[in-house]
């Protein structure tokens, strides 16, 4: 399932889609993704400043993400159709803590036009497997707002289990929102060499 491409960046093939690390060459595509889905994603994401929707803003952000990738501090994946450069979704792993926790958080979003086709479920499952197998993580955590039934279904289908509820957990679209906390545990975890 996992294939290496330039600089050992993962390219995970999932049906008609490819999940790969974002690069500085993706500035136009990632800007277009967020511009195209601005209204659709707004109820589920933090408030964004205008720079977030510009190529200049993303150029700066991609340089930062490149450094985080290099130092294994975060992984920002994009989902693209095979044979296309158009981004139709993102999966990001943040707050990576290795010894002794070996855990991180995952967040994701999917283009409005790709909803309801199982794309995110399959892509998220593959990306989490990469974190388990290639990065040796033991736990991946995700949170969703109780009213976000699509996200709940994606996480359940990808093997995440509910662990609790957090009041006023994240500042989403200008409001503190409660979230359901979930996690997926690596059943085959082996301690990596330190």
N, C-alpha and C. Protein backbone atom coordinates (compact mmCIF):
# COMPACT_ATOMS: atom_id res chain seq x y z
N UNK A 1 0.82 -1.20 0.00
CA UNK A 1 0.00 0.00 0.00
C UNK A 1 0.87 1.26 0.00
N UNK A 2 2.01 1.24 0.70
CA UNK A 2 2.85 2.42 0.82
C UNK A 2 3.93 2.39 -0.25
N UNK A 3 4.12 3.51 -0.90
CA UNK A 3 5.16 3.64 -1.92
C UNK A 3 5.98 4.88 -1.61
N UNK A 4 7.28 4.79 -1.77
CA UNK A 4 8.12 5.96 -1.56
C UNK A 4 8.24 6.76 -2.85
N UNK A 5 8.23 8.08 -2.69
CA UNK A 5 8.50 8.96 -3.81
C UNK A 5 9.68 9.83 -3.42
N UNK A 6 9.95 10.86 -4.15
CA UNK A 6 11.12 11.69 -3.92
C UNK A 6 11.23 12.07 -2.44
N UNK A 7 12.42 12.04 -1.90
CA UNK A 7 12.72 12.38 -0.50
C UNK A 7 12.00 11.48 0.50
N UNK A 8 11.69 10.25 0.09
CA UNK A 8 11.04 9.28 0.96
C UNK A 8 9.69 9.75 1.47
N UNK A 9 9.03 10.67 0.75
CA UNK A 9 7.69 11.09 1.12
C UNK A 9 6.72 9.98 0.76
N UNK A 10 5.78 9.69 1.64
CA UNK A 10 4.86 8.60 1.34
C UNK A 10 3.86 8.98 0.26
N UNK A 11 3.54 8.03 -0.57
CA UNK A 11 2.43 8.13 -1.51
C UNK A 11 1.58 6.90 -1.26
N UNK A 12 0.42 7.08 -0.71
CA UNK A 12 -0.46 5.98 -0.33
C UNK A 12 -1.58 5.92 -1.36
N UNK A 13 -1.67 4.82 -2.06
CA UNK A 13 -2.70 4.65 -3.08
C UNK A 13 -3.95 4.07 -2.42
N UNK A 14 -5.08 4.77 -2.62
CA UNK A 14 -6.36 4.35 -2.06
C UNK A 14 -7.39 4.40 -3.18
N UNK A 15 -7.58 3.28 -3.87
CA UNK A 15 -8.53 3.25 -4.98
C UNK A 15 -8.12 4.22 -6.07
N UNK A 16 -9.01 5.14 -6.41
CA UNK A 16 -8.76 6.14 -7.45
C UNK A 16 -8.02 7.36 -6.92
N UNK A 17 -7.59 7.32 -5.67
CA UNK A 17 -6.97 8.48 -5.04
C UNK A 17 -5.58 8.15 -4.53
N UNK A 18 -4.82 9.20 -4.31
CA UNK A 18 -3.48 9.10 -3.74
C UNK A 18 -3.42 10.05 -2.55
N UNK A 19 -2.88 9.57 -1.45
CA UNK A 19 -2.67 10.38 -0.26
C UNK A 19 -1.17 10.59 -0.15
N UNK A 20 -0.74 11.86 -0.14
CA UNK A 20 0.69 12.16 -0.12
C UNK A 20 0.95 13.40 0.72
N UNK A 21 2.19 13.56 1.17
CA UNK A 21 2.55 14.77 1.90
C UNK A 21 2.47 15.98 0.98
N UNK A 22 1.97 17.07 1.53
CA UNK A 22 1.94 18.31 0.78
C UNK A 22 3.37 18.82 0.60
N UNK A 23 3.62 19.53 -0.51
CA UNK A 23 4.94 20.11 -0.76
C UNK A 23 4.77 21.59 -1.09
N UNK A 24 5.88 22.29 -1.16
CA UNK A 24 5.83 23.72 -1.50
C UNK A 24 5.33 23.93 -2.92
N UNK A 25 5.34 22.90 -3.75
CA UNK A 25 4.83 23.02 -5.13
C UNK A 25 3.30 23.01 -5.19
N UNK A 26 2.65 22.73 -4.06
CA UNK A 26 1.19 22.63 -4.03
C UNK A 26 0.49 23.94 -3.68
N UNK A 27 1.19 25.04 -3.72
CA UNK A 27 0.62 26.30 -3.25
C UNK A 27 -0.67 26.67 -4.00
N UNK A 28 -0.67 26.55 -5.31
CA UNK A 28 -1.87 26.92 -6.07
C UNK A 28 -3.03 25.97 -5.76
N UNK A 29 -2.75 24.67 -5.70
CA UNK A 29 -3.79 23.68 -5.48
C UNK A 29 -4.42 23.77 -4.09
N UNK A 30 -3.58 23.98 -3.05
CA UNK A 30 -4.14 24.04 -1.70
C UNK A 30 -4.91 25.34 -1.49
N UNK A 31 -4.44 26.42 -2.09
CA UNK A 31 -5.18 27.68 -2.02
C UNK A 31 -6.54 27.52 -2.69
N UNK A 32 -6.55 26.89 -3.86
CA UNK A 32 -7.81 26.68 -4.59
C UNK A 32 -8.76 25.79 -3.78
N UNK A 33 -8.22 24.76 -3.11
CA UNK A 33 -9.05 23.88 -2.28
C UNK A 33 -9.77 24.67 -1.21
N UNK A 34 -9.04 25.50 -0.48
CA UNK A 34 -9.66 26.25 0.62
C UNK A 34 -10.56 27.38 0.11
N UNK A 35 -10.22 27.99 -1.00
CA UNK A 35 -11.11 29.00 -1.57
C UNK A 35 -12.42 28.36 -2.02
N UNK A 36 -12.34 27.23 -2.69
CA UNK A 36 -13.51 26.53 -3.22
C UNK A 36 -14.43 26.04 -2.09
N UNK A 37 -13.86 25.66 -0.96
CA UNK A 37 -14.63 25.07 0.14
C UNK A 37 -14.79 26.00 1.34
N UNK A 38 -14.51 27.28 1.14
CA UNK A 38 -14.53 28.23 2.26
C UNK A 38 -15.85 28.21 3.03
N UNK A 39 -16.95 28.39 2.34
CA UNK A 39 -18.25 28.44 3.01
C UNK A 39 -18.63 27.06 3.56
N UNK A 40 -18.32 26.02 2.81
CA UNK A 40 -18.70 24.67 3.22
C UNK A 40 -18.00 24.26 4.51
N UNK A 41 -16.71 24.58 4.64
CA UNK A 41 -15.94 24.15 5.81
C UNK A 41 -16.08 25.09 7.01
N UNK A 42 -16.55 26.29 6.80
CA UNK A 42 -16.58 27.31 7.86
C UNK A 42 -17.24 26.84 9.16
N UNK A 43 -18.38 26.13 9.13
CA UNK A 43 -19.01 25.73 10.41
C UNK A 43 -18.19 24.74 11.23
N UNK A 44 -17.17 24.11 10.61
CA UNK A 44 -16.45 23.02 11.27
C UNK A 44 -15.00 23.38 11.60
N UNK A 45 -14.56 24.59 11.27
CA UNK A 45 -13.16 24.94 11.43
C UNK A 45 -12.99 26.23 12.24
N UNK A 46 -11.78 26.48 12.73
CA UNK A 46 -11.51 27.76 13.39
C UNK A 46 -11.70 28.91 12.41
N UNK A 47 -11.94 30.11 12.94
CA UNK A 47 -11.98 31.28 12.07
C UNK A 47 -10.61 31.45 11.42
N UNK A 48 -10.61 31.79 10.16
CA UNK A 48 -9.36 31.94 9.40
C UNK A 48 -9.18 33.40 9.01
N UNK A 49 -7.92 33.88 9.06
CA UNK A 49 -7.67 35.23 8.55
C UNK A 49 -7.60 35.16 7.02
N UNK A 50 -7.67 36.30 6.38
CA UNK A 50 -7.74 36.35 4.92
C UNK A 50 -6.50 35.74 4.27
N UNK A 51 -5.34 35.80 4.92
CA UNK A 51 -4.12 35.24 4.35
C UNK A 51 -4.24 33.74 4.12
N UNK A 52 -5.09 33.08 4.91
CA UNK A 52 -5.28 31.64 4.77
C UNK A 52 -5.84 31.28 3.40
N UNK A 53 -6.50 32.21 2.76
CA UNK A 53 -7.15 31.94 1.47
C UNK A 53 -6.38 32.56 0.30
N UNK A 54 -5.11 32.88 0.53
CA UNK A 54 -4.29 33.47 -0.54
C UNK A 54 -3.06 32.61 -0.81
N UNK A 55 -2.53 32.71 -2.02
CA UNK A 55 -1.32 31.97 -2.35
C UNK A 55 -0.13 32.47 -1.54
N UNK A 56 -0.09 33.77 -1.26
CA UNK A 56 1.02 34.31 -0.45
C UNK A 56 0.99 33.69 0.95
N UNK A 57 -0.20 33.61 1.53
CA UNK A 57 -0.33 33.01 2.85
C UNK A 57 0.04 31.55 2.86
N UNK A 58 -0.38 30.82 1.83
CA UNK A 58 -0.07 29.39 1.77
C UNK A 58 1.39 29.14 1.42
N UNK A 59 2.00 30.03 0.66
CA UNK A 59 3.43 29.88 0.37
C UNK A 59 4.23 29.91 1.67
N UNK A 60 3.91 30.83 2.53
CA UNK A 60 4.59 30.93 3.83
C UNK A 60 4.28 29.69 4.69
N UNK A 61 3.02 29.29 4.71
CA UNK A 61 2.61 28.14 5.52
C UNK A 61 3.26 26.85 5.02
N UNK A 62 3.37 26.69 3.70
CA UNK A 62 3.99 25.48 3.16
C UNK A 62 5.47 25.38 3.50
N UNK A 63 6.15 26.51 3.56
CA UNK A 63 7.55 26.51 4.01
C UNK A 63 7.64 26.03 5.46
N UNK A 64 6.70 26.49 6.29
CA UNK A 64 6.68 26.05 7.69
C UNK A 64 6.37 24.56 7.79
N UNK A 65 5.38 24.10 7.01
CA UNK A 65 5.03 22.68 7.03
C UNK A 65 6.19 21.81 6.55
N UNK A 66 6.93 22.29 5.56
CA UNK A 66 8.09 21.55 5.07
C UNK A 66 9.10 21.33 6.19
N UNK A 67 9.32 22.35 7.00
CA UNK A 67 10.24 22.22 8.14
C UNK A 67 9.69 21.24 9.18
N UNK A 68 8.39 21.30 9.45
CA UNK A 68 7.79 20.37 10.40
C UNK A 68 7.91 18.93 9.90
N UNK A 69 7.70 18.72 8.60
CA UNK A 69 7.87 17.38 8.02
C UNK A 69 9.32 16.90 8.20
N UNK A 70 10.25 17.79 7.87
CA UNK A 70 11.67 17.43 7.93
C UNK A 70 12.08 16.99 9.33
N UNK A 71 11.53 17.65 10.34
CA UNK A 71 11.89 17.36 11.72
C UNK A 71 10.93 16.36 12.39
N UNK A 72 10.01 15.81 11.60
CA UNK A 72 9.05 14.81 12.08
C UNK A 72 8.19 15.33 13.23
N UNK A 73 7.78 16.61 13.11
CA UNK A 73 6.96 17.23 14.14
C UNK A 73 5.50 17.31 13.75
N UNK A 74 5.19 17.12 12.48
CA UNK A 74 3.82 17.12 11.97
C UNK A 74 3.85 16.52 10.57
N UNK A 75 2.68 16.05 10.13
CA UNK A 75 2.54 15.53 8.77
C UNK A 75 1.23 16.05 8.20
N UNK A 76 1.33 16.78 7.09
CA UNK A 76 0.16 17.37 6.45
C UNK A 76 -0.01 16.70 5.09
N UNK A 77 -1.00 15.82 5.01
CA UNK A 77 -1.27 15.06 3.79
C UNK A 77 -2.36 15.73 2.96
N UNK A 78 -2.28 15.53 1.66
CA UNK A 78 -3.35 15.93 0.76
C UNK A 78 -3.87 14.69 0.04
N UNK A 79 -5.14 14.75 -0.34
CA UNK A 79 -5.77 13.69 -1.11
C UNK A 79 -5.97 14.22 -2.52
N UNK A 80 -5.44 13.51 -3.51
CA UNK A 80 -5.60 13.90 -4.92
C UNK A 80 -6.09 12.69 -5.71
N UNK A 81 -6.83 12.97 -6.77
CA UNK A 81 -7.22 11.89 -7.68
C UNK A 81 -5.98 11.44 -8.43
N UNK A 82 -5.88 10.14 -8.70
CA UNK A 82 -4.77 9.65 -9.50
C UNK A 82 -4.81 10.33 -10.86
N UNK A 83 -3.64 10.79 -11.33
CA UNK A 83 -3.56 11.46 -12.62
C UNK A 83 -3.95 12.92 -12.58
N UNK A 84 -4.15 13.48 -11.39
CA UNK A 84 -4.55 14.88 -11.25
C UNK A 84 -3.75 15.51 -10.11
N UNK A 85 -3.60 16.81 -10.15
CA UNK A 85 -2.97 17.54 -9.04
C UNK A 85 -4.00 18.26 -8.18
N UNK A 86 -5.28 18.18 -8.55
CA UNK A 86 -6.31 18.88 -7.78
C UNK A 86 -6.49 18.23 -6.42
N UNK A 87 -6.40 19.04 -5.39
CA UNK A 87 -6.55 18.56 -4.02
C UNK A 87 -8.04 18.48 -3.70
N UNK A 88 -8.46 17.30 -3.19
CA UNK A 88 -9.86 17.15 -2.82
C UNK A 88 -10.03 16.87 -1.33
N UNK A 89 -8.93 16.90 -0.57
CA UNK A 89 -9.04 16.72 0.86
C UNK A 89 -7.69 16.84 1.54
N UNK A 90 -7.71 17.01 2.85
CA UNK A 90 -6.49 17.09 3.64
C UNK A 90 -6.63 16.24 4.90
N UNK A 91 -5.51 15.70 5.34
CA UNK A 91 -5.43 14.96 6.61
C UNK A 91 -4.16 15.43 7.29
N UNK A 92 -4.28 15.99 8.49
CA UNK A 92 -3.07 16.48 9.15
C UNK A 92 -2.91 15.86 10.53
N UNK A 93 -1.68 15.44 10.78
CA UNK A 93 -1.30 14.87 12.07
C UNK A 93 -0.46 15.92 12.80
N UNK A 94 -0.91 16.30 13.99
CA UNK A 94 -0.23 17.35 14.75
C UNK A 94 -0.04 16.91 16.19
N UNK A 95 0.65 17.75 16.95
CA UNK A 95 0.92 17.47 18.36
C UNK A 95 1.58 16.10 18.53
N UNK A 96 2.54 15.81 17.67
CA UNK A 96 3.23 14.52 17.72
C UNK A 96 4.13 14.45 18.94
N UNK A 97 3.87 13.46 19.78
CA UNK A 97 4.72 13.22 20.95
C UNK A 97 5.19 11.77 20.85
N UNK A 98 6.48 11.59 20.87
CA UNK A 98 7.01 10.24 20.78
C UNK A 98 7.23 9.71 22.20
N UNK A 99 8.40 9.20 22.54
CA UNK A 99 8.66 8.55 23.82
C UNK A 99 8.25 9.43 24.99
N UNK A 100 7.47 8.98 25.95
CA UNK A 100 6.90 7.64 26.09
C UNK A 100 5.44 7.56 25.64
N UNK A 101 4.91 8.63 25.03
CA UNK A 101 3.48 8.70 24.70
C UNK A 101 3.15 8.05 23.36
N UNK A 102 3.97 8.32 22.36
CA UNK A 102 3.76 7.80 20.99
C UNK A 102 2.33 8.06 20.52
N UNK A 103 1.92 9.31 20.62
CA UNK A 103 0.55 9.67 20.26
C UNK A 103 0.52 11.00 19.53
N UNK A 104 -0.57 11.24 18.83
CA UNK A 104 -0.76 12.49 18.10
C UNK A 104 -2.25 12.71 17.87
N UNK A 105 -2.57 13.89 17.35
CA UNK A 105 -3.94 14.23 16.95
C UNK A 105 -4.04 14.23 15.43
N UNK A 106 -5.22 13.93 14.94
CA UNK A 106 -5.47 14.01 13.50
C UNK A 106 -6.69 14.90 13.26
N UNK A 107 -6.60 15.68 12.19
CA UNK A 107 -7.71 16.49 11.71
C UNK A 107 -7.82 16.30 10.21
N UNK A 108 -8.97 16.59 9.65
CA UNK A 108 -9.15 16.35 8.22
C UNK A 108 -10.32 17.18 7.70
N UNK A 109 -10.34 17.34 6.38
CA UNK A 109 -11.50 17.93 5.70
C UNK A 109 -11.53 17.38 4.29
N UNK A 110 -12.72 17.44 3.70
CA UNK A 110 -12.92 16.88 2.37
C UNK A 110 -13.76 17.84 1.54
N UNK A 111 -13.38 17.96 0.28
CA UNK A 111 -14.10 18.81 -0.66
C UNK A 111 -15.60 18.48 -0.65
N UNK A 112 -16.41 19.52 -0.73
CA UNK A 112 -17.86 19.33 -0.72
C UNK A 112 -18.31 18.37 -1.82
N UNK A 113 -17.67 18.43 -2.98
CA UNK A 113 -18.06 17.60 -4.12
C UNK A 113 -17.61 16.14 -4.00
N UNK A 114 -16.82 15.82 -3.00
CA UNK A 114 -16.34 14.44 -2.81
C UNK A 114 -17.05 13.74 -1.66
N UNK A 115 -18.01 14.41 -1.03
CA UNK A 115 -18.69 13.84 0.12
C UNK A 115 -19.54 12.63 -0.26
N UNK A 116 -19.70 11.72 0.69
CA UNK A 116 -20.62 10.60 0.54
C UNK A 116 -20.14 9.46 -0.33
N UNK A 117 -18.83 9.42 -0.64
CA UNK A 117 -18.28 8.38 -1.51
C UNK A 117 -17.27 7.48 -0.81
N UNK A 118 -17.11 7.67 0.50
CA UNK A 118 -16.17 6.85 1.26
C UNK A 118 -14.71 7.25 1.09
N UNK A 119 -14.47 8.40 0.46
CA UNK A 119 -13.09 8.83 0.19
C UNK A 119 -12.34 9.08 1.49
N UNK A 120 -12.92 9.86 2.38
CA UNK A 120 -12.20 10.21 3.61
C UNK A 120 -12.02 8.99 4.50
N UNK A 121 -13.00 8.15 4.60
CA UNK A 121 -12.87 6.96 5.43
C UNK A 121 -11.67 6.13 4.99
N UNK A 122 -11.55 5.89 3.68
CA UNK A 122 -10.45 5.07 3.16
C UNK A 122 -9.12 5.79 3.28
N UNK A 123 -9.10 7.09 2.97
CA UNK A 123 -7.85 7.86 3.04
C UNK A 123 -7.36 7.98 4.48
N UNK A 124 -8.28 8.26 5.41
CA UNK A 124 -7.90 8.39 6.82
C UNK A 124 -7.37 7.05 7.34
N UNK A 125 -8.05 5.98 7.02
CA UNK A 125 -7.60 4.66 7.46
C UNK A 125 -6.18 4.39 6.96
N UNK A 126 -5.90 4.68 5.70
CA UNK A 126 -4.57 4.44 5.13
C UNK A 126 -3.52 5.34 5.78
N UNK A 127 -3.85 6.60 6.01
CA UNK A 127 -2.89 7.53 6.62
C UNK A 127 -2.57 7.13 8.07
N UNK A 128 -3.59 6.69 8.79
CA UNK A 128 -3.35 6.23 10.17
C UNK A 128 -2.47 4.98 10.16
N UNK A 129 -2.73 4.08 9.24
CA UNK A 129 -1.87 2.89 9.13
C UNK A 129 -0.42 3.28 8.87
N UNK A 130 -0.22 4.32 8.05
CA UNK A 130 1.14 4.81 7.78
C UNK A 130 1.78 5.33 9.08
N UNK A 131 0.99 6.06 9.87
CA UNK A 131 1.51 6.57 11.14
C UNK A 131 1.88 5.42 12.08
N UNK A 132 1.10 4.35 12.05
CA UNK A 132 1.39 3.19 12.89
C UNK A 132 2.62 2.43 12.38
N UNK A 133 2.64 2.11 11.10
CA UNK A 133 3.68 1.25 10.56
C UNK A 133 5.01 1.96 10.32
N UNK A 134 4.94 3.16 9.77
CA UNK A 134 6.17 3.87 9.39
C UNK A 134 6.69 4.81 10.47
N UNK A 135 5.80 5.36 11.29
CA UNK A 135 6.21 6.32 12.31
C UNK A 135 6.12 5.75 13.73
N UNK A 136 5.63 4.53 13.85
CA UNK A 136 5.61 3.80 15.12
C UNK A 136 4.76 4.48 16.20
N UNK A 137 3.64 5.08 15.80
CA UNK A 137 2.75 5.67 16.80
C UNK A 137 1.84 4.61 17.39
N UNK A 138 1.52 4.78 18.66
CA UNK A 138 0.66 3.84 19.37
C UNK A 138 -0.79 4.31 19.39
N UNK A 139 -1.00 5.63 19.42
CA UNK A 139 -2.35 6.18 19.56
C UNK A 139 -2.50 7.38 18.63
N UNK A 140 -3.61 7.41 17.90
CA UNK A 140 -3.99 8.59 17.11
C UNK A 140 -5.34 9.04 17.65
N UNK A 141 -5.43 10.32 18.02
CA UNK A 141 -6.64 10.86 18.64
C UNK A 141 -7.34 11.83 17.68
N UNK A 142 -8.66 11.82 17.73
CA UNK A 142 -9.46 12.73 16.92
C UNK A 142 -10.66 13.17 17.75
N UNK A 143 -11.16 14.36 17.45
CA UNK A 143 -12.33 14.88 18.16
C UNK A 143 -13.31 15.45 17.14
N UNK A 144 -14.59 15.33 17.43
CA UNK A 144 -15.60 15.89 16.53
C UNK A 144 -16.74 16.48 17.36
N UNK A 145 -17.40 17.47 16.78
CA UNK A 145 -18.56 18.07 17.43
C UNK A 145 -19.72 17.09 17.37
N UNK A 146 -20.50 16.96 18.43
CA UNK A 146 -21.59 15.98 18.45
C UNK A 146 -22.55 16.10 17.27
N UNK A 147 -22.76 17.29 16.74
CA UNK A 147 -23.69 17.45 15.62
C UNK A 147 -23.06 17.10 14.25
N UNK A 148 -21.75 16.84 14.24
CA UNK A 148 -21.08 16.52 12.98
C UNK A 148 -21.17 15.01 12.72
N UNK A 149 -22.32 14.60 12.21
CA UNK A 149 -22.60 13.17 12.02
C UNK A 149 -21.71 12.55 10.95
N UNK A 150 -21.31 13.32 9.94
CA UNK A 150 -20.42 12.78 8.90
C UNK A 150 -19.06 12.43 9.50
N UNK A 151 -18.53 13.32 10.32
CA UNK A 151 -17.23 13.06 10.94
C UNK A 151 -17.33 11.88 11.91
N UNK A 152 -18.41 11.80 12.64
CA UNK A 152 -18.62 10.67 13.53
C UNK A 152 -18.60 9.36 12.75
N UNK A 153 -19.28 9.33 11.61
CA UNK A 153 -19.34 8.11 10.79
C UNK A 153 -17.96 7.75 10.21
N UNK A 154 -17.22 8.77 9.77
CA UNK A 154 -15.88 8.53 9.22
C UNK A 154 -14.98 7.91 10.28
N UNK A 155 -14.97 8.50 11.46
CA UNK A 155 -14.10 8.01 12.52
C UNK A 155 -14.48 6.60 12.97
N UNK A 156 -15.76 6.35 13.10
CA UNK A 156 -16.21 5.01 13.48
C UNK A 156 -15.78 3.98 12.44
N UNK A 157 -15.99 4.31 11.17
CA UNK A 157 -15.63 3.38 10.08
C UNK A 157 -14.12 3.17 10.01
N UNK A 158 -13.33 4.17 10.44
CA UNK A 158 -11.87 4.06 10.40
C UNK A 158 -11.29 3.45 11.68
N UNK A 159 -12.17 2.94 12.55
CA UNK A 159 -11.69 2.22 13.73
C UNK A 159 -11.43 3.06 14.96
N UNK A 160 -11.89 4.31 14.99
CA UNK A 160 -11.73 5.15 16.17
C UNK A 160 -12.85 4.83 17.16
N UNK A 161 -12.49 4.79 18.45
CA UNK A 161 -13.47 4.50 19.49
C UNK A 161 -13.65 5.71 20.38
N UNK A 162 -14.90 5.93 20.80
CA UNK A 162 -15.21 7.05 21.69
C UNK A 162 -14.56 6.83 23.05
N UNK A 163 -13.98 7.92 23.58
CA UNK A 163 -13.34 7.83 24.90
C UNK A 163 -13.92 8.83 25.90
N UNK A 164 -14.70 9.78 25.42
CA UNK A 164 -15.27 10.75 26.35
C UNK A 164 -15.77 11.99 25.64
N UNK A 165 -16.19 12.96 26.46
CA UNK A 165 -16.69 14.24 25.95
C UNK A 165 -15.90 15.35 26.62
N UNK A 166 -15.53 16.35 25.86
CA UNK A 166 -14.81 17.50 26.40
C UNK A 166 -15.65 18.75 26.18
N UNK A 167 -15.97 19.43 27.27
CA UNK A 167 -16.75 20.67 27.20
C UNK A 167 -15.88 21.81 26.69
N UNK A 168 -16.48 22.66 25.85
CA UNK A 168 -15.77 23.85 25.34
C UNK A 168 -14.35 23.50 24.90
N UNK A 169 -14.21 22.49 24.08
CA UNK A 169 -12.91 21.91 23.76
C UNK A 169 -12.12 22.72 22.74
N UNK A 170 -12.77 23.14 21.65
CA UNK A 170 -12.08 23.89 20.60
C UNK A 170 -12.89 25.12 20.20
N UNK A 171 -12.17 26.17 19.82
CA UNK A 171 -12.79 27.40 19.34
C UNK A 171 -13.04 27.25 17.84
N UNK A 172 -14.27 26.91 17.49
CA UNK A 172 -14.65 26.63 16.11
C UNK A 172 -15.59 27.72 15.61
N UNK A 173 -15.22 28.32 14.48
CA UNK A 173 -16.04 29.36 13.86
C UNK A 173 -16.45 30.43 14.87
N UNK A 174 -15.54 30.76 15.79
CA UNK A 174 -15.78 31.84 16.74
C UNK A 174 -16.51 31.44 18.01
N UNK A 175 -16.83 30.14 18.19
CA UNK A 175 -17.55 29.68 19.38
C UNK A 175 -16.83 28.50 20.00
N UNK A 176 -16.82 28.44 21.34
CA UNK A 176 -16.29 27.25 22.01
C UNK A 176 -17.29 26.12 21.81
N UNK A 177 -16.80 25.00 21.33
CA UNK A 177 -17.66 23.86 21.01
C UNK A 177 -17.26 22.62 21.81
N UNK A 178 -18.27 21.91 22.32
CA UNK A 178 -18.03 20.61 22.93
C UNK A 178 -17.58 19.64 21.84
N UNK A 179 -16.78 18.66 22.21
CA UNK A 179 -16.31 17.65 21.26
C UNK A 179 -16.36 16.26 21.89
N UNK A 180 -16.64 15.28 21.05
CA UNK A 180 -16.51 13.88 21.43
C UNK A 180 -15.07 13.48 21.16
N UNK A 181 -14.40 12.91 22.14
CA UNK A 181 -13.01 12.49 22.01
C UNK A 181 -12.95 11.03 21.60
N UNK A 182 -12.14 10.75 20.59
CA UNK A 182 -11.98 9.38 20.11
C UNK A 182 -10.49 9.07 19.94
N UNK A 183 -10.19 7.80 19.82
CA UNK A 183 -8.81 7.39 19.56
C UNK A 183 -8.81 6.04 18.86
N UNK A 184 -7.74 5.83 18.13
CA UNK A 184 -7.48 4.52 17.53
C UNK A 184 -6.11 4.07 18.02
N UNK A 185 -6.06 2.86 18.52
CA UNK A 185 -4.84 2.31 19.10
C UNK A 185 -4.20 1.34 18.11
N UNK A 186 -2.89 1.38 18.02
CA UNK A 186 -2.14 0.47 17.17
C UNK A 186 -2.04 -0.89 17.87
N UNK A 187 -2.74 -1.92 17.38
CA UNK A 187 -2.72 -3.22 18.06
C UNK A 187 -1.41 -3.98 17.86
N UNK A 188 -0.58 -3.54 16.93
CA UNK A 188 0.67 -4.24 16.63
C UNK A 188 1.89 -3.38 16.98
N UNK A 189 1.73 -2.49 17.95
CA UNK A 189 2.81 -1.55 18.26
C UNK A 189 4.03 -2.28 18.82
N UNK A 190 5.18 -1.89 18.30
CA UNK A 190 6.46 -2.32 18.84
C UNK A 190 7.29 -1.09 19.11
N UNK A 191 7.98 -1.06 20.22
CA UNK A 191 8.78 0.11 20.55
C UNK A 191 9.90 0.30 19.54
N UNK A 192 9.96 1.48 18.93
CA UNK A 192 11.07 1.74 17.98
C UNK A 192 12.38 1.89 18.74
N UNK A 193 13.46 1.74 18.03
CA UNK A 193 14.77 1.95 18.63
C UNK A 193 14.92 3.43 18.96
N UNK A 194 15.40 3.72 20.14
CA UNK A 194 15.56 5.13 20.57
C UNK A 194 16.88 5.68 20.08
